[in-house]
Amino acid sequence: MNVRRLIPTAALAGSVTLGLVALSACSPSDAADGGAGGKGGGKLAVVASFYPMQYLAEEIGGTHVDVSTLTKPGVEPHELELGTRQAAQLGEADYILYLKGLQPAVDEAITAAGVPDTVDAASLTTLEKHGSEVGHAHGDEEHAGEEHAEEEDHAHEGEAGTDPHIWLDPVKYAEVAKGVGASLEKADPDNAAAYRKNTTALVERLTTLDTAFKQGLADTDTKTFITTHSAFGYLAERYGLTQESISGISPESEPSPARIKELRSIAAEDKVGTVFFETLVSDRTAKTVAADSGLRTDVLDPLEGITEKSKGADYVEVMKSNLAALEKALGAK
């Protein structure tokens, strides 16, 4: 029998906070009746670093896990900082799922927590390096130098400057899902069959999503799209597109005048009609670039969190919305 902490479901039913919900937050009455886990049985206490990891844990874990997240909805995950008390609470988890290289403060706290069943999603697939553009080369030697410097500035993003945004490629995300499922089976063997079944169902949904992207983006007027930051490199490579970002890997970095000038040329050359911005970062720069080039703006969501502004209630719904936005912007046939 695998021994797990008993976590009353009621203790985790409140809104997600910036840190973990303290396991001691349940009331005495909750503890007395054994919580919502029923018949003295508990659930695996899972901590996810931010939304894409939370989604995997919830979909695969199902009714056998209680999932809390370190990143509050609406908070840009790259910028998350943890307080001392919040970081200490990581040690109360049975299982931690995170993405190394995306949130340095979280990486440090997780290492310090030393929870045995800790899974780095980046280790479950292959990471790549992406700069300001993915697909084909534009610009001159001056921009090449800027891009190299940009990559150096964001070397903390993944191992050796790799791009951590693997969840925006349904195929890579499915690879991660399989690894998470296997790790949950190991952490909680009593419920291995359920985790295996849920993993299979999720991978099937992601495979269907991948097919929709392949078909929807197969024949378009242009293959180039401009977005706020380089979150969509894996997606671009998967579906034969070229991502041109305004700010690079970091969503908050400011573009140089040379980069803005180059984007104007790219938009004209590649018949780009739309500049995409995202839900968790200011749209000011995107709108400035769009106005400067006479382009429209629209939302392409990097799915780093679900809020009331999200065009969908979960990962699959928002990705379908992203596909519709790309089809419109690229002139899909």
C-alpha atoms as a PDB file:
ATOM      1  CA  MET A   1       0.000   0.000   0.000  1.00  0.00           C
ATOM      2  CA  ASN A   2       1.416   3.386  -0.993  1.00  0.00           C
ATOM      3  CA  VAL A   3       1.289   5.773   1.976  1.00  0.00           C
ATOM      4  CA  ARG A   4       0.003   9.265   1.207  1.00  0.00           C
ATOM      5  CA  ARG A   5      -0.997  12.273   3.263  1.00  0.00           C
ATOM      6  CA  LEU A   6      -4.728  12.715   3.771  1.00  0.00           C
ATOM      7  CA  ILE A   7      -5.741  16.012   2.202  1.00  0.00           C
ATOM      8  CA  PRO A   8      -9.306  17.193   2.863  1.00  0.00           C
ATOM      9  CA  THR A   9     -10.707  18.398  -0.447  1.00  0.00           C
ATOM     10  CA  ALA A  10     -12.513  21.241   1.320  1.00  0.00           C
ATOM     11  CA  ALA A  11      -9.179  22.726   2.318  1.00  0.00           C
ATOM     12  CA  LEU A  12      -8.266  23.249  -1.325  1.00  0.00           C
ATOM     13  CA  ALA A  13     -11.643  24.398  -2.663  1.00  0.00           C
ATOM     14  CA  GLY A  14     -10.952  28.105  -2.333  1.00  0.00           C
ATOM     15  CA  SER A  15      -9.498  30.351  -5.012  1.00  0.00           C
ATOM     16  CA  VAL A  16      -5.934  29.662  -6.100  1.00  0.00           C
ATOM     17  CA  THR A  17      -3.400  31.877  -4.316  1.00  0.00           C
ATOM     18  CA  LEU A  18       0.090  32.981  -5.262  1.00  0.00           C
ATOM     19  CA  GLY A  19       1.603  30.417  -2.943  1.00  0.00           C
ATOM     20  CA  LEU A  20       0.379  26.951  -2.034  1.00  0.00           C
ATOM     21  CA  VAL A  21      -2.734  26.478   0.030  1.00  0.00           C
ATOM     22  CA  ALA A  22      -1.389  25.474   3.425  1.00  0.00           C
ATOM     23  CA  LEU A  23      -2.266  21.910   4.284  1.00  0.00           C
ATOM     24  CA  SER A  24      -3.130  23.047   7.784  1.00  0.00           C
ATOM     25  CA  ALA A  25      -5.859  25.346   6.461  1.00  0.00           C
ATOM     26  CA  CYS A  26      -8.660  22.824   6.981  1.00  0.00           C
ATOM     27  CA  SER A  27     -10.996  23.367   9.892  1.00  0.00           C
ATOM     28  CA  PRO A  28     -11.155  21.005  12.895  1.00  0.00           C
ATOM     29  CA  SER A  29     -14.485  19.664  11.622  1.00  0.00           C
ATOM     30  CA  ASP A  30     -12.925  18.878   8.261  1.00  0.00           C
ATOM     31  CA  ALA A  31     -10.144  16.908   9.929  1.00  0.00           C
ATOM     32  CA  ALA A  32     -12.562  15.082  12.168  1.00  0.00           C
ATOM     33  CA  ASP A  33     -14.745  13.705   9.401  1.00  0.00           C
ATOM     34  CA  GLY A  34     -11.806  12.719   7.174  1.00  0.00           C
ATOM     35  CA  GLY A  35     -12.587  15.378   4.551  1.00  0.00           C
ATOM     36  CA  ALA A  36     -14.182  14.785   1.155  1.00  0.00           C
ATOM     37  CA  GLY A  37     -11.742  11.990   0.311  1.00  0.00           C
ATOM     38  CA  GLY A  38     -14.279   9.572   1.852  1.00  0.00           C
ATOM     39  CA  LYS A  39     -13.950   6.382   3.939  1.00  0.00           C
ATOM     40  CA  GLY A  40     -10.636   7.370   5.442  1.00  0.00           C
ATOM     41  CA  GLY A  41      -8.974   7.460   2.013  1.00  0.00           C
ATOM     42  CA  GLY A  42      -6.878  10.450   0.982  1.00  0.00           C
ATOM     43  CA  LYS A  43      -5.842  12.016  -2.294  1.00  0.00           C
ATOM     44  CA  LEU A  44      -2.369  12.616  -3.630  1.00  0.00           C
ATOM     45  CA  ALA A  45      -1.372  16.201  -2.777  1.00  0.00           C
ATOM     46  CA  VAL A  46      -0.052  17.614  -6.070  1.00  0.00           C
ATOM     47  CA  VAL A  47       1.611  20.988  -6.538  1.00  0.00           C
ATOM     48  CA  ALA A  48       1.842  22.384 -10.088  1.00  0.00           C
ATOM     49  CA  SER A  49       4.064  25.334 -10.922  1.00  0.00           C
ATOM     50  CA  PHE A  50       1.693  27.056 -13.376  1.00  0.00           C
ATOM     51  CA  TYR A  51      -1.368  26.402 -15.542  1.00  0.00           C
ATOM     52  CA  PRO A  52      -0.045  23.995 -18.239  1.00  0.00           C
ATOM     53  CA  MET A  53       1.333  21.764 -15.484  1.00  0.00           C
ATOM     54  CA  GLN A  54      -1.867  22.137 -13.446  1.00  0.00           C
ATOM     55  CA  TYR A  55      -3.951  21.049 -16.455  1.00  0.00           C
ATOM     56  CA  LEU A  56      -1.903  17.893 -16.926  1.00  0.00           C
ATOM     57  CA  ALA A  57      -2.096  17.010 -13.240  1.00  0.00           C
ATOM     58  CA  GLU A  58      -5.848  17.531 -13.088  1.00  0.00           C
ATOM     59  CA  GLU A  59      -6.668  15.728 -16.328  1.00  0.00           C
ATOM     60  CA  ILE A  60      -4.439  12.741 -15.609  1.00  0.00           C
ATOM     61  CA  GLY A  61      -4.907  12.642 -11.853  1.00  0.00           C
ATOM     62  CA  GLY A  62      -8.677  12.965 -12.011  1.00  0.00           C
ATOM     63  CA  THR A  63     -10.461  12.203  -8.759  1.00  0.00           C
ATOM     64  CA  HIS A  64      -7.370  10.741  -7.140  1.00  0.00           C
ATOM     65  CA  VAL A  65      -5.444  14.012  -6.736  1.00  0.00           C
ATOM     66  CA  ASP A  66      -5.863  17.415  -5.114  1.00  0.00           C
ATOM     67  CA  VAL A  67      -3.998  19.944  -7.229  1.00  0.00           C
ATOM     68  CA  SER A  68      -2.831  23.376  -6.104  1.00  0.00           C
ATOM     69  CA  THR A  69      -0.801  25.773  -8.218  1.00  0.00           C
ATOM     70  CA  LEU A  70       1.984  28.190  -7.367  1.00  0.00           C
ATOM     71  CA  THR A  71       0.948  30.754  -9.992  1.00  0.00           C
ATOM     72  CA  LYS A  72      -2.258  32.671  -9.379  1.00  0.00           C
ATOM     73  CA  PRO A  73      -4.530  33.175 -12.439  1.00  0.00           C
ATOM     74  CA  GLY A  74      -3.642  36.474 -14.083  1.00  0.00           C
ATOM     75  CA  VAL A  75      -0.025  36.455 -12.870  1.00  0.00           C
ATOM     76  CA  GLU A  76       2.646  36.330 -15.570  1.00  0.00           C
ATOM     77  CA  PRO A  77       4.485  33.113 -14.593  1.00  0.00           C
ATOM     78  CA  HIS A  78       7.933  34.277 -15.758  1.00  0.00           C
ATOM     79  CA  GLU A  79       7.834  36.942 -13.032  1.00  0.00           C
ATOM     80  CA  LEU A  80       6.605  34.803 -10.131  1.00  0.00           C
ATOM     81  CA  GLU A  81       8.413  35.223  -6.823  1.00  0.00           C
ATOM     82  CA  LEU A  82       7.754  33.025  -3.789  1.00  0.00           C
ATOM     83  CA  GLY A  83       7.818  34.126  -0.180  1.00  0.00           C
ATOM     84  CA  THR A  84       9.798  32.144   2.377  1.00  0.00           C
ATOM     85  CA  ARG A  85       6.691  30.625   3.934  1.00  0.00           C
ATOM     86  CA  GLN A  86       5.201  29.747   0.545  1.00  0.00           C
ATOM     87  CA  ALA A  87       8.406  28.092  -0.594  1.00  0.00           C
ATOM     88  CA  ALA A  88       8.558  26.090   2.646  1.00  0.00           C
ATOM     89  CA  GLN A  89       5.069  24.724   1.988  1.00  0.00           C
ATOM     90  CA  LEU A  90       6.374  22.920  -1.085  1.00  0.00           C
ATOM     91  CA  GLY A  91       7.809  20.356   1.294  1.00  0.00           C
ATOM     92  CA  GLU A  92       4.259  19.331   2.263  1.00  0.00           C
ATOM     93  CA  ALA A  93       3.479  18.034  -1.255  1.00  0.00           C
ATOM     94  CA  ASP A  94       3.371  14.375  -2.210  1.00  0.00           C
ATOM     95  CA  TYR A  95       4.140  15.151  -5.869  1.00  0.00           C
ATOM     96  CA  ILE A  96       5.415  18.267  -7.651  1.00  0.00           C
ATOM     97  CA  LEU A  97       5.107  18.980 -11.372  1.00  0.00           C
ATOM     98  CA  TYR A  98       6.997  21.938 -12.840  1.00  0.00           C
ATOM     99  CA  LEU A  99       8.841  23.112 -15.939  1.00  0.00           C
ATOM    100  CA  LYS A 100      12.486  23.853 -15.203  1.00  0.00           C
ATOM    101  CA  GLY A 101      13.830  27.031 -16.779  1.00  0.00           C
ATOM    102  CA  LEU A 102      10.568  28.968 -16.943  1.00  0.00           C
ATOM    103  CA  GLN A 103      10.402  30.257 -13.361  1.00  0.00           C
ATOM    104  CA  PRO A 104      13.824  30.549 -11.690  1.00  0.00           C
ATOM    105  CA  ALA A 105      12.363  31.287  -8.249  1.00  0.00           C
ATOM    106  CA  VAL A 106      10.224  28.157  -8.430  1.00  0.00           C
ATOM    107  CA  ASP A 107      13.187  26.065  -9.577  1.00  0.00           C
ATOM    108  CA  GLU A 108      15.193  27.132  -6.523  1.00  0.00           C
ATOM    109  CA  ALA A 109      12.344  26.519  -4.091  1.00  0.00           C
ATOM    110  CA  ILE A 110      11.595  23.074  -5.518  1.00  0.00           C
ATOM    111  CA  THR A 111      15.241  22.046  -5.260  1.00  0.00           C
ATOM    112  CA  ALA A 112      15.288  23.171  -1.631  1.00  0.00           C
ATOM    113  CA  ALA A 113      12.034  21.304  -0.857  1.00  0.00           C
ATOM    114  CA  GLY A 114      13.561  17.954  -1.797  1.00  0.00           C
ATOM    115  CA  VAL A 115      10.255  16.162  -2.421  1.00  0.00           C
ATOM    116  CA  PRO A 116      11.111  12.703  -3.882  1.00  0.00           C
ATOM    117  CA  ASP A 117       8.266  12.631  -6.414  1.00  0.00           C
ATOM    118  CA  THR A 118       9.236  15.816  -8.254  1.00  0.00           C
ATOM    119  CA  VAL A 119       8.888  15.810 -12.031  1.00  0.00           C
ATOM    120  CA  ASP A 120      10.431  18.315 -14.455  1.00  0.00           C
ATOM    121  CA  ALA A 121       8.258  18.413 -17.598  1.00  0.00           C
ATOM    122  CA  ALA A 122      11.248  19.640 -19.613  1.00  0.00           C
ATOM    123  CA  SER A 123      12.895  16.262 -19.045  1.00  0.00           C
ATOM    124  CA  LEU A 124       9.979  14.450 -20.695  1.00  0.00           C
ATOM    125  CA  THR A 125      10.518  15.846 -24.200  1.00  0.00           C
ATOM    126  CA  THR A 126      13.249  17.556 -26.257  1.00  0.00           C
ATOM    127  CA  LEU A 127      13.815  21.298 -25.845  1.00  0.00           C
ATOM    128  CA  GLU A 128      15.152  23.534 -28.618  1.00  0.00           C
ATOM    129  CA  LYS A 129      16.574  27.032 -28.930  1.00  0.00           C
ATOM    130  CA  HIS A 130      14.368  29.728 -30.457  1.00  0.00           C
ATOM    131  CA  GLY A 131      15.208  33.384 -30.973  1.00  0.00           C
ATOM    132  CA  SER A 132      13.125  36.263 -32.288  1.00  0.00           C
ATOM    133  CA  GLU A 133      12.112  34.312 -35.362  1.00  0.00           C
ATOM    134  CA  VAL A 134      11.485  30.672 -36.122  1.00  0.00           C
ATOM    135  CA  GLY A 135      11.104  29.397 -39.650  1.00  0.00           C
ATOM    136  CA  HIS A 136      13.278  31.380 -42.036  1.00  0.00           C
ATOM    137  CA  ALA A 137      15.884  34.110 -41.879  1.00  0.00           C
ATOM    138  CA  HIS A 138      15.221  37.817 -42.191  1.00  0.00           C
ATOM    139  CA  GLY A 139      17.385  40.809 -41.545  1.00  0.00           C
ATOM    140  CA  ASP A 140      21.052  41.662 -41.640  1.00  0.00           C
ATOM    141  CA  GLU A 141      24.144  41.044 -39.572  1.00  0.00           C
ATOM    142  CA  GLU A 142      23.153  43.803 -37.180  1.00  0.00           C
ATOM    143  CA  HIS A 143      19.959  42.006 -36.245  1.00  0.00           C
ATOM    144  CA  ALA A 144      21.776  38.694 -36.031  1.00  0.00           C
ATOM    145  CA  GLY A 145      24.002  40.236 -33.399  1.00  0.00           C
ATOM    146  CA  GLU A 146      20.984  41.590 -31.515  1.00  0.00           C
ATOM    147  CA  GLU A 147      19.335  38.196 -31.544  1.00  0.00           C
ATOM    148  CA  HIS A 148      22.477  36.513 -30.216  1.00  0.00           C
ATOM    149  CA  ALA A 149      22.640  39.050 -27.402  1.00  0.00           C
ATOM    150  CA  GLU A 150      18.959  38.457 -26.691  1.00  0.00           C
ATOM    151  CA  GLU A 151      19.543  34.738 -26.382  1.00  0.00           C
ATOM    152  CA  GLU A 152      22.380  35.412 -23.925  1.00  0.00           C
ATOM    153  CA  ASP A 153      20.133  37.732 -21.897  1.00  0.00           C
ATOM    154  CA  HIS A 154      17.556  34.987 -21.481  1.00  0.00           C
ATOM    155  CA  ALA A 155      19.862  32.056 -20.888  1.00  0.00           C
ATOM    156  CA  HIS A 156      17.836  31.259 -17.776  1.00  0.00           C
ATOM    157  CA  GLU A 157      14.939  30.256 -20.033  1.00  0.00           C
ATOM    158  CA  GLY A 158      15.439  26.510 -19.996  1.00  0.00           C
ATOM    159  CA  GLU A 159      18.713  24.634 -20.233  1.00  0.00           C
ATOM    160  CA  ALA A 160      21.455  26.558 -22.067  1.00  0.00           C
ATOM    161  CA  GLY A 161      18.997  29.135 -23.422  1.00  0.00           C
ATOM    162  CA  THR A 162      16.419  26.665 -24.717  1.00  0.00           C
ATOM    163  CA  ASP A 163      12.803  27.645 -25.263  1.00  0.00           C
ATOM    164  CA  PRO A 164      10.560  26.309 -22.458  1.00  0.00           C
ATOM    165  CA  HIS A 165       7.191  26.837 -24.207  1.00  0.00           C
ATOM    166  CA  ILE A 166       6.733  23.165 -25.101  1.00  0.00           C
ATOM    167  CA  TRP A 167       3.034  23.047 -24.158  1.00  0.00           C
ATOM    168  CA  LEU A 168       2.074  25.135 -27.216  1.00  0.00           C
ATOM    169  CA  ASP A 169       2.963  22.201 -29.470  1.00  0.00           C
ATOM    170  CA  PRO A 170       0.219  19.559 -28.951  1.00  0.00           C
ATOM    171  CA  VAL A 171       2.623  16.794 -29.990  1.00  0.00           C
ATOM    172  CA  LYS A 172       5.274  17.748 -27.429  1.00  0.00           C
ATOM    173  CA  TYR A 173       2.595  18.327 -24.829  1.00  0.00           C
ATOM    174  CA  ALA A 174       1.310  14.809 -25.452  1.00  0.00           C
ATOM    175  CA  GLU A 175       4.835  13.475 -24.913  1.00  0.00           C
ATOM    176  CA  VAL A 176       4.937  15.294 -21.586  1.00  0.00           C
ATOM    177  CA  ALA A 177       1.477  13.971 -20.700  1.00  0.00           C
ATOM    178  CA  LYS A 178       2.669  10.394 -21.189  1.00  0.00           C
ATOM    179  CA  GLY A 179       5.636  11.022 -18.910  1.00  0.00           C
ATOM    180  CA  VAL A 180       3.467  12.632 -16.254  1.00  0.00           C
ATOM    181  CA  GLY A 181       1.059   9.710 -16.380  1.00  0.00           C
ATOM    182  CA  ALA A 182       3.887   7.218 -15.893  1.00  0.00           C
ATOM    183  CA  SER A 183       5.294   9.227 -12.982  1.00  0.00           C
ATOM    184  CA  LEU A 184       1.913   9.408 -11.256  1.00  0.00           C
ATOM    185  CA  GLU A 185       1.551   5.640 -11.625  1.00  0.00           C
ATOM    186  CA  LYS A 186       4.882   5.248  -9.852  1.00  0.00           C
ATOM    187  CA  ALA A 187       4.064   7.777  -7.138  1.00  0.00           C
ATOM    188  CA  ASP A 188       0.625   6.304  -6.463  1.00  0.00           C
ATOM    189  CA  PRO A 189       0.542   2.682  -7.687  1.00  0.00           C
ATOM    190  CA  ASP A 190      -2.812   1.997  -6.012  1.00  0.00           C
ATOM    191  CA  ASN A 191      -4.465   4.182  -8.673  1.00  0.00           C
ATOM    192  CA  ALA A 192      -2.155   3.353 -11.589  1.00  0.00           C
ATOM    193  CA  ALA A 193      -4.955   1.977 -13.774  1.00  0.00           C
ATOM    194  CA  ALA A 194      -6.930   5.231 -13.496  1.00  0.00           C
ATOM    195  CA  TYR A 195      -3.879   7.355 -14.318  1.00  0.00           C
ATOM    196  CA  ARG A 196      -3.154   5.169 -17.332  1.00  0.00           C
ATOM    197  CA  LYS A 197      -6.721   5.471 -18.609  1.00  0.00           C
ATOM    198  CA  ASN A 198      -6.795   9.251 -18.112  1.00  0.00           C
ATOM    199  CA  THR A 199      -3.440   9.662 -19.851  1.00  0.00           C
ATOM    200  CA  THR A 200      -4.676   7.738 -22.879  1.00  0.00           C
ATOM    201  CA  ALA A 201      -7.802   9.897 -23.071  1.00  0.00           C
ATOM    202  CA  LEU A 202      -5.803  13.132 -22.817  1.00  0.00           C
ATOM    203  CA  VAL A 203      -3.278  12.054 -25.461  1.00  0.00           C
ATOM    204  CA  GLU A 204      -6.172  11.251 -27.791  1.00  0.00           C
ATOM    205  CA  ARG A 205      -7.577  14.780 -27.320  1.00  0.00           C
ATOM    206  CA  LEU A 206      -4.167  16.285 -27.991  1.00  0.00           C
ATOM    207  CA  THR A 207      -3.761  14.131 -31.105  1.00  0.00           C
ATOM    208  CA  THR A 208      -7.125  15.384 -32.373  1.00  0.00           C
ATOM    209  CA  LEU A 209      -5.991  18.949 -31.681  1.00  0.00           C
ATOM    210  CA  ASP A 210      -2.768  18.337 -33.615  1.00  0.00           C
ATOM    211  CA  THR A 211      -4.779  17.064 -36.596  1.00  0.00           C
ATOM    212  CA  ALA A 212      -6.980  20.181 -36.506  1.00  0.00           C
ATOM    213  CA  PHE A 213      -3.892  22.433 -36.614  1.00  0.00           C
ATOM    214  CA  LYS A 214      -2.349  20.452 -39.468  1.00  0.00           C
ATOM    215  CA  GLN A 215      -5.501  20.662 -41.548  1.00  0.00           C
ATOM    216  CA  GLY A 216      -6.377  24.235 -40.662  1.00  0.00           C
ATOM    217  CA  LEU A 217      -2.932  25.671 -41.445  1.00  0.00           C
ATOM    218  CA  ALA A 218      -1.993  23.507 -44.422  1.00  0.00           C
ATOM    219  CA  ASP A 219      -3.019  26.039 -47.085  1.00  0.00           C
ATOM    220  CA  THR A 220      -2.695  29.717 -46.184  1.00  0.00           C
ATOM    221  CA  ASP A 221      -1.922  32.999 -47.967  1.00  0.00           C
ATOM    222  CA  THR A 222       1.094  33.583 -45.735  1.00  0.00           C
ATOM    223  CA  LYS A 223       3.076  31.458 -43.300  1.00  0.00           C
ATOM    224  CA  THR A 224       4.392  34.344 -41.192  1.00  0.00           C
ATOM    225  CA  PHE A 225       2.843  35.738 -38.033  1.00  0.00           C
ATOM    226  CA  ILE A 226       4.036  38.482 -35.680  1.00  0.00           C
ATOM    227  CA  THR A 227       3.509  38.070 -31.932  1.00  0.00           C
ATOM    228  CA  THR A 228       4.481  39.840 -28.737  1.00  0.00           C
ATOM    229  CA  HIS A 229       7.131  37.372 -27.573  1.00  0.00           C
ATOM    230  CA  SER A 230       8.632  34.112 -28.793  1.00  0.00           C
ATOM    231  CA  ALA A 231       6.232  31.724 -27.100  1.00  0.00           C
ATOM    232  CA  PHE A 232       5.143  29.984 -30.301  1.00  0.00           C
ATOM    233  CA  GLY A 233       8.405  28.647 -31.687  1.00  0.00           C
ATOM    234  CA  TYR A 234       7.469  24.992 -31.243  1.00  0.00           C
ATOM    235  CA  LEU A 235       4.030  25.569 -32.744  1.00  0.00           C
ATOM    236  CA  ALA A 236       5.550  27.387 -35.723  1.00  0.00           C
ATOM    237  CA  GLU A 237       7.994  24.570 -36.423  1.00  0.00           C
ATOM    238  CA  ARG A 238       5.342  21.897 -36.048  1.00  0.00           C
ATOM    239  CA  TYR A 239       2.982  23.442 -38.615  1.00  0.00           C
ATOM    240  CA  GLY A 240       5.397  24.989 -41.099  1.00  0.00           C
ATOM    241  CA  LEU A 241       4.955  28.598 -39.991  1.00  0.00           C
ATOM    242  CA  THR A 242       7.365  31.439 -39.279  1.00  0.00           C
ATOM    243  CA  GLN A 243       7.055  33.206 -35.950  1.00  0.00           C
ATOM    244  CA  GLU A 244       8.401  36.763 -35.798  1.00  0.00           C
ATOM    245  CA  SER A 245       8.356  38.125 -32.272  1.00  0.00           C
ATOM    246  CA  ILE A 246       8.517  41.731 -31.171  1.00  0.00           C
ATOM    247  CA  SER A 247      10.327  41.129 -27.895  1.00  0.00           C
ATOM    248  CA  GLY A 248      11.979  37.700 -28.013  1.00  0.00           C
ATOM    249  CA  ILE A 249      11.646  34.972 -25.390  1.00  0.00           C
ATOM    250  CA  SER A 250      10.952  37.360 -22.496  1.00  0.00           C
ATOM    251  CA  PRO A 251       7.418  38.836 -22.643  1.00  0.00           C
ATOM    252  CA  GLU A 252       8.471  42.043 -20.914  1.00  0.00           C
ATOM    253  CA  SER A 253      11.598  42.967 -22.898  1.00  0.00           C
ATOM    254  CA  GLU A 254      11.380  46.034 -25.144  1.00  0.00           C
ATOM    255  CA  PRO A 255      12.151  45.803 -28.875  1.00  0.00           C
ATOM    256  CA  SER A 256      14.924  47.938 -30.346  1.00  0.00           C
ATOM    257  CA  PRO A 257      14.146  50.555 -33.011  1.00  0.00           C
ATOM    258  CA  ALA A 258      16.035  48.343 -35.483  1.00  0.00           C
ATOM    259  CA  ARG A 259      13.748  45.414 -34.661  1.00  0.00           C
ATOM    260  CA  ILE A 260      10.602  47.494 -35.156  1.00  0.00           C
ATOM    261  CA  LYS A 261      11.930  48.703 -38.502  1.00  0.00           C
ATOM    262  CA  GLU A 262      12.684  45.145 -39.513  1.00  0.00           C
ATOM    263  CA  LEU A 263       9.205  43.968 -38.542  1.00  0.00           C
ATOM    264  CA  ARG A 264       7.719  46.630 -40.789  1.00  0.00           C
ATOM    265  CA  SER A 265       9.711  45.237 -43.707  1.00  0.00           C
ATOM    266  CA  ILE A 266       8.787  41.647 -42.836  1.00  0.00           C
ATOM    267  CA  ALA A 267       5.097  42.519 -42.682  1.00  0.00           C
ATOM    268  CA  ALA A 268       5.213  44.043 -46.147  1.00  0.00           C
ATOM    269  CA  GLU A 269       7.338  41.282 -47.681  1.00  0.00           C
ATOM    270  CA  ASP A 270       5.379  38.360 -46.207  1.00  0.00           C
ATOM    271  CA  LYS A 271       1.913  39.944 -46.452  1.00  0.00           C
ATOM    272  CA  VAL A 272       1.362  39.923 -42.715  1.00  0.00           C
ATOM    273  CA  GLY A 273      -1.912  41.587 -41.719  1.00  0.00           C
ATOM    274  CA  THR A 274      -2.089  40.979 -37.971  1.00  0.00           C
ATOM    275  CA  VAL A 275       0.082  41.557 -34.913  1.00  0.00           C
ATOM    276  CA  PHE A 276      -0.799  39.227 -32.042  1.00  0.00           C
ATOM    277  CA  PHE A 277      -0.711  40.149 -28.370  1.00  0.00           C
ATOM    278  CA  GLU A 278      -1.519  38.022 -25.317  1.00  0.00           C
ATOM    279  CA  THR A 279      -3.751  38.085 -22.285  1.00  0.00           C
ATOM    280  CA  LEU A 280      -1.261  38.343 -19.383  1.00  0.00           C
ATOM    281  CA  VAL A 281       1.058  41.024 -20.797  1.00  0.00           C
ATOM    282  CA  SER A 282       0.351  44.632 -21.788  1.00  0.00           C
ATOM    283  CA  ASP A 283      -0.752  45.033 -25.415  1.00  0.00           C
ATOM    284  CA  ARG A 284       0.846  48.487 -25.694  1.00  0.00           C
ATOM    285  CA  THR A 285       3.897  47.440 -27.719  1.00  0.00           C
ATOM    286  CA  ALA A 286       1.902  45.199 -30.055  1.00  0.00           C
ATOM    287  CA  LYS A 287      -0.579  47.968 -30.778  1.00  0.00           C
ATOM    288  CA  THR A 288       2.236  50.447 -31.372  1.00  0.00           C
ATOM    289  CA  VAL A 289       3.916  48.120 -33.872  1.00  0.00           C
ATOM    290  CA  ALA A 290       0.582  47.393 -35.557  1.00  0.00           C
ATOM    291  CA  ALA A 291      -0.335  51.068 -35.862  1.00  0.00           C
ATOM    292  CA  ASP A 292       3.118  51.866 -37.223  1.00  0.00           C
ATOM    293  CA  SER A 293       2.669  49.303 -39.992  1.00  0.00           C
ATOM    294  CA  GLY A 294      -1.051  49.689 -40.585  1.00  0.00           C
ATOM    295  CA  LEU A 295      -1.853  46.206 -39.270  1.00  0.00           C
ATOM    296  CA  ARG A 296      -4.681  44.723 -37.226  1.00  0.00           C
ATOM    297  CA  THR A 297      -4.272  43.239 -33.745  1.00  0.00           C
ATOM    298  CA  ASP A 298      -5.673  40.042 -32.276  1.00  0.00           C
ATOM    299  CA  VAL A 299      -5.046  37.670 -29.366  1.00  0.00           C
ATOM    300  CA  LEU A 300      -2.778  34.630 -29.586  1.00  0.00           C
ATOM    301  CA  ASP A 301      -2.793  33.149 -26.116  1.00  0.00           C
ATOM    302  CA  PRO A 302       0.410  31.489 -24.816  1.00  0.00           C
ATOM    303  CA  LEU A 303      -1.744  29.685 -22.263  1.00  0.00           C
ATOM    304  CA  GLU A 304       0.361  30.560 -19.263  1.00  0.00           C
ATOM    305  CA  GLY A 305      -2.814  31.033 -17.228  1.00  0.00           C
ATOM    306  CA  ILE A 306      -6.599  30.952 -17.581  1.00  0.00           C
ATOM    307  CA  THR A 307      -8.504  34.131 -16.654  1.00  0.00           C
ATOM    308  CA  GLU A 308     -11.873  35.693 -17.453  1.00  0.00           C
ATOM    309  CA  LYS A 309     -10.191  37.179 -20.542  1.00  0.00           C
ATOM    310  CA  SER A 310      -9.207  33.765 -21.905  1.00  0.00           C
ATOM    311  CA  LYS A 311     -11.054  32.607 -25.001  1.00  0.00           C
ATOM    312  CA  GLY A 312     -11.871  29.236 -23.527  1.00  0.00           C
ATOM    313  CA  ALA A 313     -12.215  27.476 -20.198  1.00  0.00           C
ATOM    314  CA  ASP A 314      -9.236  25.126 -20.532  1.00  0.00           C
ATOM    315  CA  TYR A 315      -6.163  24.258 -22.577  1.00  0.00           C
ATOM    316  CA  VAL A 316      -7.946  22.587 -25.493  1.00  0.00           C
ATOM    317  CA  GLU A 317     -10.579  25.309 -25.836  1.00  0.00           C
ATOM    318  CA  VAL A 318      -8.004  28.113 -25.839  1.00  0.00           C
ATOM    319  CA  MET A 319      -5.805  26.258 -28.340  1.00  0.00           C
ATOM    320  CA  LYS A 320      -8.813  25.918 -30.659  1.00  0.00           C
ATOM    321  CA  SER A 321      -9.321  29.672 -30.313  1.00  0.00           C
ATOM    322  CA  ASN A 322      -5.645  30.191 -31.179  1.00  0.00           C
ATOM    323  CA  LEU A 323      -6.084  28.036 -34.272  1.00  0.00           C
ATOM    324  CA  ALA A 324      -9.079  30.093 -35.394  1.00  0.00           C
ATOM    325  CA  ALA A 325      -7.090  33.317 -34.895  1.00  0.00           C
ATOM    326  CA  LEU A 326      -4.157  31.959 -36.911  1.00  0.00           C
ATOM    327  CA  GLU A 327      -6.423  30.720 -39.698  1.00  0.00           C
ATOM    328  CA  LYS A 328      -7.967  34.186 -39.978  1.00  0.00           C
ATOM    329  CA  ALA A 329      -4.681  36.064 -39.795  1.00  0.00           C
ATOM    330  CA  LEU A 330      -2.832  33.807 -42.250  1.00  0.00           C
ATOM    331  CA  GLY A 331      -5.677  33.573 -44.758  1.00  0.00           C
ATOM    332  CA  ALA A 332      -6.415  29.868 -44.443  1.00  0.00           C
ATOM    333  CA  LYS A 333      -8.245  28.390 -47.432  1.00  0.00           C
END
